Amino acid sequence: MLHKREEDNNEIKSPCRGVCTLDHKGKCVGCFRKLDEIANWSVYNDYQRSEILKMAQLRMQLPEIFNS
């Protein structure tokens, strides 16, 4: 059981900020994830989560590219 707890501490946590409001394109205005990324977060592995976090960061920094 201790081994499982160590693994849980190392997993990539949700970037949810508790805002949970989607814009007109289905993107959260708090964490910049899309609805499907939010809904499926618990089933994604750490690689997938890492990629989603990278995309969310780009959506936040470059809205003129990712909001078109």
PDB file of N, CA and C in Angstrom:
ATOM      1  N   MET A   1       0.817  -1.199   0.000  1.00  0.00           N
ATOM      2  CA  MET A   1       0.000   0.000   0.000  1.00  0.00           C
ATOM      3  C   MET A   1       0.861   1.263   0.000  1.00  0.00           C
ATOM      4  N   LEU A   2       1.961   1.241   0.717  1.00  0.00           N
ATOM      5  CA  LEU A   2       2.850   2.387   0.755  1.00  0.00           C
ATOM      6  C   LEU A   2       3.393   2.704  -0.635  1.00  0.00           C
ATOM      7  N   HIS A   3       3.713   1.665  -1.401  1.00  0.00           N
ATOM      8  CA  HIS A   3       4.222   1.866  -2.758  1.00  0.00           C
ATOM      9  C   HIS A   3       3.196   2.595  -3.625  1.00  0.00           C
ATOM     10  N   LYS A   4       1.948   2.240  -3.514  1.00  0.00           N
ATOM     11  CA  LYS A   4       0.886   2.897  -4.279  1.00  0.00           C
ATOM     12  C   LYS A   4       0.792   4.372  -3.901  1.00  0.00           C
ATOM     13  N   ARG A   5       0.890   4.679  -2.642  1.00  0.00           N
ATOM     14  CA  ARG A   5       0.813   6.063  -2.183  1.00  0.00           C
ATOM     15  C   ARG A   5       1.957   6.883  -2.776  1.00  0.00           C
ATOM     16  N   GLU A   6       3.152   6.318  -2.858  1.00  0.00           N
ATOM     17  CA  GLU A   6       4.284   7.017  -3.461  1.00  0.00           C
ATOM     18  C   GLU A   6       4.012   7.316  -4.920  1.00  0.00           C
ATOM     19  N   GLU A   7       3.443   6.365  -5.638  1.00  0.00           N
ATOM     20  CA  GLU A   7       3.114   6.589  -7.049  1.00  0.00           C
ATOM     21  C   GLU A   7       2.093   7.709  -7.195  1.00  0.00           C
ATOM     22  N   ASP A   8       1.090   7.735  -6.343  1.00  0.00           N
ATOM     23  CA  ASP A   8       0.054   8.758  -6.413  1.00  0.00           C
ATOM     24  C   ASP A   8       0.644  10.149  -6.197  1.00  0.00           C
ATOM     25  N   ASN A   9       1.640  10.270  -5.332  1.00  0.00           N
ATOM     26  CA  ASN A   9       2.258  11.564  -5.078  1.00  0.00           C
ATOM     27  C   ASN A   9       3.047  12.069  -6.283  1.00  0.00           C
ATOM     28  N   ASN A  10       3.468  11.167  -7.160  1.00  0.00           N
ATOM     29  CA  ASN A  10       4.276  11.540  -8.312  1.00  0.00           C
ATOM     30  C   ASN A  10       3.443  11.816  -9.561  1.00  0.00           C
ATOM     31  N   GLU A  11       2.166  11.466  -9.549  1.00  0.00           N
ATOM     32  CA  GLU A  11       1.365  11.680 -10.745  1.00  0.00           C
ATOM     33  C   GLU A  11       1.112  13.169 -10.966  1.00  0.00           C
ATOM     34  N   ILE A  12       0.915  13.526 -12.225  1.00  0.00           N
ATOM     35  CA  ILE A  12       0.663  14.919 -12.576  1.00  0.00           C
ATOM     36  C   ILE A  12      -0.745  15.285 -12.132  1.00  0.00           C
ATOM     37  N   LYS A  13      -0.838  16.286 -11.319  1.00  0.00           N
ATOM     38  CA  LYS A  13      -2.128  16.715 -10.760  1.00  0.00           C
ATOM     39  C   LYS A  13      -2.889  17.602 -11.742  1.00  0.00           C
ATOM     40  N   SER A  14      -4.175  17.662 -11.543  1.00  0.00           N
ATOM     41  CA  SER A  14      -5.034  18.516 -12.356  1.00  0.00           C
ATOM     42  C   SER A  14      -4.677  19.986 -12.151  1.00  0.00           C
ATOM     43  N   PRO A  15      -4.663  20.753 -13.240  1.00  0.00           N
ATOM     44  CA  PRO A  15      -4.381  22.184 -13.121  1.00  0.00           C
ATOM     45  C   PRO A  15      -5.620  23.014 -12.791  1.00  0.00           C
ATOM     46  N   CYS A  16      -6.704  22.346 -12.434  1.00  0.00           N
ATOM     47  CA  CYS A  16      -7.961  23.047 -12.140  1.00  0.00           C
ATOM     48  C   CYS A  16      -7.745  24.147 -11.115  1.00  0.00           C
ATOM     49  N   ARG A  17      -8.316  25.318 -11.403  1.00  0.00           N
ATOM     50  CA  ARG A  17      -8.204  26.465 -10.498  1.00  0.00           C
ATOM     51  C   ARG A  17      -9.525  26.762  -9.803  1.00  0.00           C
ATOM     52  N   GLY A  18     -10.504  25.885 -10.042  1.00  0.00           N
ATOM     53  CA  GLY A  18     -11.791  26.058  -9.397  1.00  0.00           C
ATOM     54  C   GLY A  18     -12.697  27.077 -10.070  1.00  0.00           C
ATOM     55  N   VAL A  19     -12.325  27.549 -11.248  1.00  0.00           N
ATOM     56  CA  VAL A  19     -13.146  28.516 -11.983  1.00  0.00           C
ATOM     57  C   VAL A  19     -14.235  27.776 -12.759  1.00  0.00           C
ATOM     58  N   CYS A  20     -13.855  26.759 -13.478  1.00  0.00           N
ATOM     59  CA  CYS A  20     -14.774  25.852 -14.172  1.00  0.00           C
ATOM     60  C   CYS A  20     -15.833  26.572 -15.005  1.00  0.00           C
ATOM     61  N   THR A  21     -15.393  27.496 -15.832  1.00  0.00           N
ATOM     62  CA  THR A  21     -16.267  28.211 -16.746  1.00  0.00           C
ATOM     63  C   THR A  21     -15.712  28.057 -18.143  1.00  0.00           C
ATOM     64  N   LEU A  22     -16.544  27.580 -19.068  1.00  0.00           N
ATOM     65  CA  LEU A  22     -16.104  27.378 -20.437  1.00  0.00           C
ATOM     66  C   LEU A  22     -16.431  28.596 -21.290  1.00  0.00           C
ATOM     67  N   ASP A  23     -15.507  28.927 -22.193  1.00  0.00           N
ATOM     68  CA  ASP A  23     -15.782  30.006 -23.137  1.00  0.00           C
ATOM     69  C   ASP A  23     -16.626  29.461 -24.285  1.00  0.00           C
ATOM     70  N   HIS A  24     -16.903  30.275 -25.284  1.00  0.00           N
ATOM     71  CA  HIS A  24     -17.768  29.868 -26.397  1.00  0.00           C
ATOM     72  C   HIS A  24     -17.155  28.772 -27.269  1.00  0.00           C
ATOM     73  N   LYS A  25     -15.857  28.502 -27.111  1.00  0.00           N
ATOM     74  CA  LYS A  25     -15.195  27.444 -27.882  1.00  0.00           C
ATOM     75  C   LYS A  25     -15.001  26.165 -27.055  1.00  0.00           C
ATOM     76  N   GLY A  26     -15.505  26.133 -25.842  1.00  0.00           N
ATOM     77  CA  GLY A  26     -15.397  24.941 -25.007  1.00  0.00           C
ATOM     78  C   GLY A  26     -14.091  24.820 -24.256  1.00  0.00           C
ATOM     79  N   LYS A  27     -13.428  25.952 -24.013  1.00  0.00           N
ATOM     80  CA  LYS A  27     -12.161  25.972 -23.283  1.00  0.00           C
ATOM     81  C   LYS A  27     -12.400  26.625 -21.923  1.00  0.00           C
ATOM     82  N   CYS A  28     -11.836  26.025 -20.875  1.00  0.00           N
ATOM     83  CA  CYS A  28     -11.985  26.586 -19.537  1.00  0.00           C
ATOM     84  C   CYS A  28     -11.197  27.879 -19.427  1.00  0.00           C
ATOM     85  N   VAL A  29     -11.819  28.914 -18.889  1.00  0.00           N
ATOM     86  CA  VAL A  29     -11.145  30.206 -18.746  1.00  0.00           C
ATOM     87  C   VAL A  29     -10.194  30.215 -17.543  1.00  0.00           C
ATOM     88  N   GLY A  30     -10.225  29.178 -16.724  1.00  0.00           N
ATOM     89  CA  GLY A  30      -9.333  29.090 -15.572  1.00  0.00           C
ATOM     90  C   GLY A  30      -8.065  28.312 -15.865  1.00  0.00           C
ATOM     91  N   CYS A  31      -8.210  27.110 -16.443  1.00  0.00           N
ATOM     92  CA  CYS A  31      -7.042  26.241 -16.655  1.00  0.00           C
ATOM     93  C   CYS A  31      -6.672  26.075 -18.131  1.00  0.00           C
ATOM     94  N   PHE A  32      -7.497  26.592 -19.030  1.00  0.00           N
ATOM     95  CA  PHE A  32      -7.247  26.577 -20.473  1.00  0.00           C
ATOM     96  C   PHE A  32      -7.286  25.185 -21.090  1.00  0.00           C
ATOM     97  N   ARG A  33      -7.901  24.230 -20.393  1.00  0.00           N
ATOM     98  CA  ARG A  33      -8.103  22.911 -20.999  1.00  0.00           C
ATOM     99  C   ARG A  33      -9.446  22.896 -21.708  1.00  0.00           C
ATOM    100  N   LYS A  34      -9.569  22.014 -22.690  1.00  0.00           N
ATOM    101  CA  LYS A  34     -10.834  21.819 -23.387  1.00  0.00           C
ATOM    102  C   LYS A  34     -11.698  20.866 -22.569  1.00  0.00           C
ATOM    103  N   LEU A  35     -12.985  20.892 -22.846  1.00  0.00           N
ATOM    104  CA  LEU A  35     -13.938  20.092 -22.079  1.00  0.00           C
ATOM    105  C   LEU A  35     -13.553  18.612 -22.053  1.00  0.00           C
ATOM    106  N   ASP A  36     -13.181  18.044 -23.195  1.00  0.00           N
ATOM    107  CA  ASP A  36     -12.827  16.623 -23.228  1.00  0.00           C
ATOM    108  C   ASP A  36     -11.566  16.343 -22.408  1.00  0.00           C
ATOM    109  N   GLU A  37     -10.641  17.293 -22.371  1.00  0.00           N
ATOM    110  CA  GLU A  37      -9.427  17.117 -21.574  1.00  0.00           C
ATOM    111  C   GLU A  37      -9.748  17.134 -20.085  1.00  0.00           C
ATOM    112  N   ILE A  38     -10.683  17.963 -19.701  1.00  0.00           N
ATOM    113  CA  ILE A  38     -11.111  18.032 -18.303  1.00  0.00           C
ATOM    114  C   ILE A  38     -11.849  16.750 -17.919  1.00  0.00           C
ATOM    115  N   ALA A  39     -12.772  16.345 -18.764  1.00  0.00           N
ATOM    116  CA  ALA A  39     -13.609  15.177 -18.464  1.00  0.00           C
ATOM    117  C   ALA A  39     -12.803  13.880 -18.392  1.00  0.00           C
ATOM    118  N   ASN A  40     -11.755  13.782 -19.194  1.00  0.00           N
ATOM    119  CA  ASN A  40     -10.983  12.538 -19.268  1.00  0.00           C
ATOM    120  C   ASN A  40      -9.686  12.559 -18.462  1.00  0.00           C
ATOM    121  N   TRP A  41      -9.445  13.625 -17.710  1.00  0.00           N
ATOM    122  CA  TRP A  41      -8.183  13.780 -16.982  1.00  0.00           C
ATOM    123  C   TRP A  41      -7.850  12.548 -16.144  1.00  0.00           C
ATOM    124  N   SER A  42      -8.821  11.986 -15.473  1.00  0.00           N
ATOM    125  CA  SER A  42      -8.558  10.868 -14.557  1.00  0.00           C
ATOM    126  C   SER A  42      -8.117   9.596 -15.270  1.00  0.00           C
ATOM    127  N   VAL A  43      -8.375   9.471 -16.561  1.00  0.00           N
ATOM    128  CA  VAL A  43      -7.970   8.262 -17.284  1.00  0.00           C
ATOM    129  C   VAL A  43      -6.695   8.457 -18.106  1.00  0.00           C
ATOM    130  N   TYR A  44      -6.235   9.686 -18.222  1.00  0.00           N
ATOM    131  CA  TYR A  44      -5.001   9.938 -18.966  1.00  0.00           C
ATOM    132  C   TYR A  44      -3.789   9.494 -18.160  1.00  0.00           C
ATOM    133  N   ASN A  45      -2.768   9.015 -18.871  1.00  0.00           N
ATOM    134  CA  ASN A  45      -1.505   8.708 -18.197  1.00  0.00           C
ATOM    135  C   ASN A  45      -0.688   9.995 -18.079  1.00  0.00           C
ATOM    136  N   ASP A  46       0.443   9.921 -17.398  1.00  0.00           N
ATOM    137  CA  ASP A  46       1.230  11.129 -17.156  1.00  0.00           C
ATOM    138  C   ASP A  46       1.766  11.754 -18.441  1.00  0.00           C
ATOM    139  N   TYR A  47       2.084  10.950 -19.437  1.00  0.00           N
ATOM    140  CA  TYR A  47       2.538  11.521 -20.710  1.00  0.00           C
ATOM    141  C   TYR A  47       1.420  12.355 -21.340  1.00  0.00           C
ATOM    142  N   GLN A  48       0.210  11.797 -21.380  1.00  0.00           N
ATOM    143  CA  GLN A  48      -0.925  12.515 -21.948  1.00  0.00           C
ATOM    144  C   GLN A  48      -1.207  13.787 -21.157  1.00  0.00           C
ATOM    145  N   ARG A  49      -1.160  13.692 -19.846  1.00  0.00           N
ATOM    146  CA  ARG A  49      -1.399  14.865 -19.001  1.00  0.00           C
ATOM    147  C   ARG A  49      -0.350  15.945 -19.273  1.00  0.00           C
ATOM    148  N   SER A  50       0.891  15.521 -19.417  1.00  0.00           N
ATOM    149  CA  SER A  50       1.969  16.467 -19.706  1.00  0.00           C
ATOM    150  C   SER A  50       1.721  17.195 -21.023  1.00  0.00           C
ATOM    151  N   GLU A  51       1.287  16.470 -22.031  1.00  0.00           N
ATOM    152  CA  GLU A  51       0.999  17.076 -23.332  1.00  0.00           C
ATOM    153  C   GLU A  51      -0.173  18.059 -23.243  1.00  0.00           C
ATOM    154  N   ILE A  52      -1.195  17.705 -22.481  1.00  0.00           N
ATOM    155  CA  ILE A  52      -2.346  18.590 -22.289  1.00  0.00           C
ATOM    156  C   ILE A  52      -1.912  19.869 -21.579  1.00  0.00           C
ATOM    157  N   LEU A  53      -1.058  19.741 -20.578  1.00  0.00           N
ATOM    158  CA  LEU A  53      -0.575  20.921 -19.865  1.00  0.00           C
ATOM    159  C   LEU A  53       0.242  21.828 -20.787  1.00  0.00           C
ATOM    160  N   LYS A  54       1.017  21.231 -21.670  1.00  0.00           N
ATOM    161  CA  LYS A  54       1.780  22.031 -22.640  1.00  0.00           C
ATOM    162  C   LYS A  54       0.834  22.799 -23.564  1.00  0.00           C
ATOM    163  N   MET A  55      -0.200  22.122 -24.050  1.00  0.00           N
ATOM    164  CA  MET A  55      -1.165  22.777 -24.935  1.00  0.00           C
ATOM    165  C   MET A  55      -1.940  23.866 -24.195  1.00  0.00           C
ATOM    166  N   ALA A  56      -2.306  23.607 -22.960  1.00  0.00           N
ATOM    167  CA  ALA A  56      -3.025  24.607 -22.172  1.00  0.00           C
ATOM    168  C   ALA A  56      -2.163  25.854 -21.985  1.00  0.00           C
ATOM    169  N   GLN A  57      -0.886  25.653 -21.751  1.00  0.00           N
ATOM    170  CA  GLN A  57       0.036  26.777 -21.597  1.00  0.00           C
ATOM    171  C   GLN A  57       0.105  27.589 -22.898  1.00  0.00           C
ATOM    172  N   LEU A  58       0.163  26.899 -24.026  1.00  0.00           N
ATOM    173  CA  LEU A  58       0.184  27.593 -25.316  1.00  0.00           C
ATOM    174  C   LEU A  58      -1.123  28.345 -25.560  1.00  0.00           C
ATOM    175  N   ARG A  59      -2.244  27.739 -25.198  1.00  0.00           N
ATOM    176  CA  ARG A  59      -3.540  28.409 -25.363  1.00  0.00           C
ATOM    177  C   ARG A  59      -3.591  29.693 -24.544  1.00  0.00           C
ATOM    178  N   MET A  60      -2.985  29.657 -23.367  1.00  0.00           N
ATOM    179  CA  MET A  60      -2.977  30.823 -22.510  1.00  0.00           C
ATOM    180  C   MET A  60      -2.040  31.915 -23.065  1.00  0.00           C
ATOM    181  N   GLN A  61      -0.861  31.518 -23.531  1.00  0.00           N
ATOM    182  CA  GLN A  61       0.150  32.477 -23.966  1.00  0.00           C
ATOM    183  C   GLN A  61      -0.069  33.009 -25.379  1.00  0.00           C
ATOM    184  N   LEU A  62      -0.702  32.195 -26.222  1.00  0.00           N
ATOM    185  CA  LEU A  62      -0.885  32.571 -27.636  1.00  0.00           C
ATOM    186  C   LEU A  62      -2.335  32.480 -28.073  1.00  0.00           C
ATOM    187  N   PRO A  63      -3.225  33.240 -27.435  1.00  0.00           N
ATOM    188  CA  PRO A  63      -4.651  33.120 -27.759  1.00  0.00           C
ATOM    189  C   PRO A  63      -4.969  33.458 -29.213  1.00  0.00           C
ATOM    190  N   GLU A  64      -4.193  34.340 -29.831  1.00  0.00           N
ATOM    191  CA  GLU A  64      -4.464  34.716 -31.224  1.00  0.00           C
ATOM    192  C   GLU A  64      -4.272  33.542 -32.183  1.00  0.00           C
ATOM    193  N   ILE A  65      -3.469  32.564 -31.789  1.00  0.00           N
ATOM    194  CA  ILE A  65      -3.246  31.384 -32.617  1.00  0.00           C
ATOM    195  C   ILE A  65      -4.242  30.276 -32.257  1.00  0.00           C
ATOM    196  N   PHE A  66      -4.453  30.060 -30.968  1.00  0.00           N
ATOM    197  CA  PHE A  66      -5.248  28.936 -30.525  1.00  0.00           C
ATOM    198  C   PHE A  66      -6.728  29.236 -30.332  1.00  0.00           C
ATOM    199  N   ASN A  67      -7.149  30.469 -30.510  1.00  0.00           N
ATOM    200  CA  ASN A  67      -8.567  30.812 -30.371  1.00  0.00           C
ATOM    201  C   ASN A  67      -9.220  31.109 -31.710  1.00  0.00           C
ATOM    202  N   SER A  68      -8.511  30.855 -32.770  1.00  0.00           N
ATOM    203  CA  SER A  68      -9.111  31.155 -34.085  1.00  0.00           C
ATOM    204  C   SER A  68      -9.958  30.022 -34.595  1.00  0.00           C
TER     205      SER A  68
END
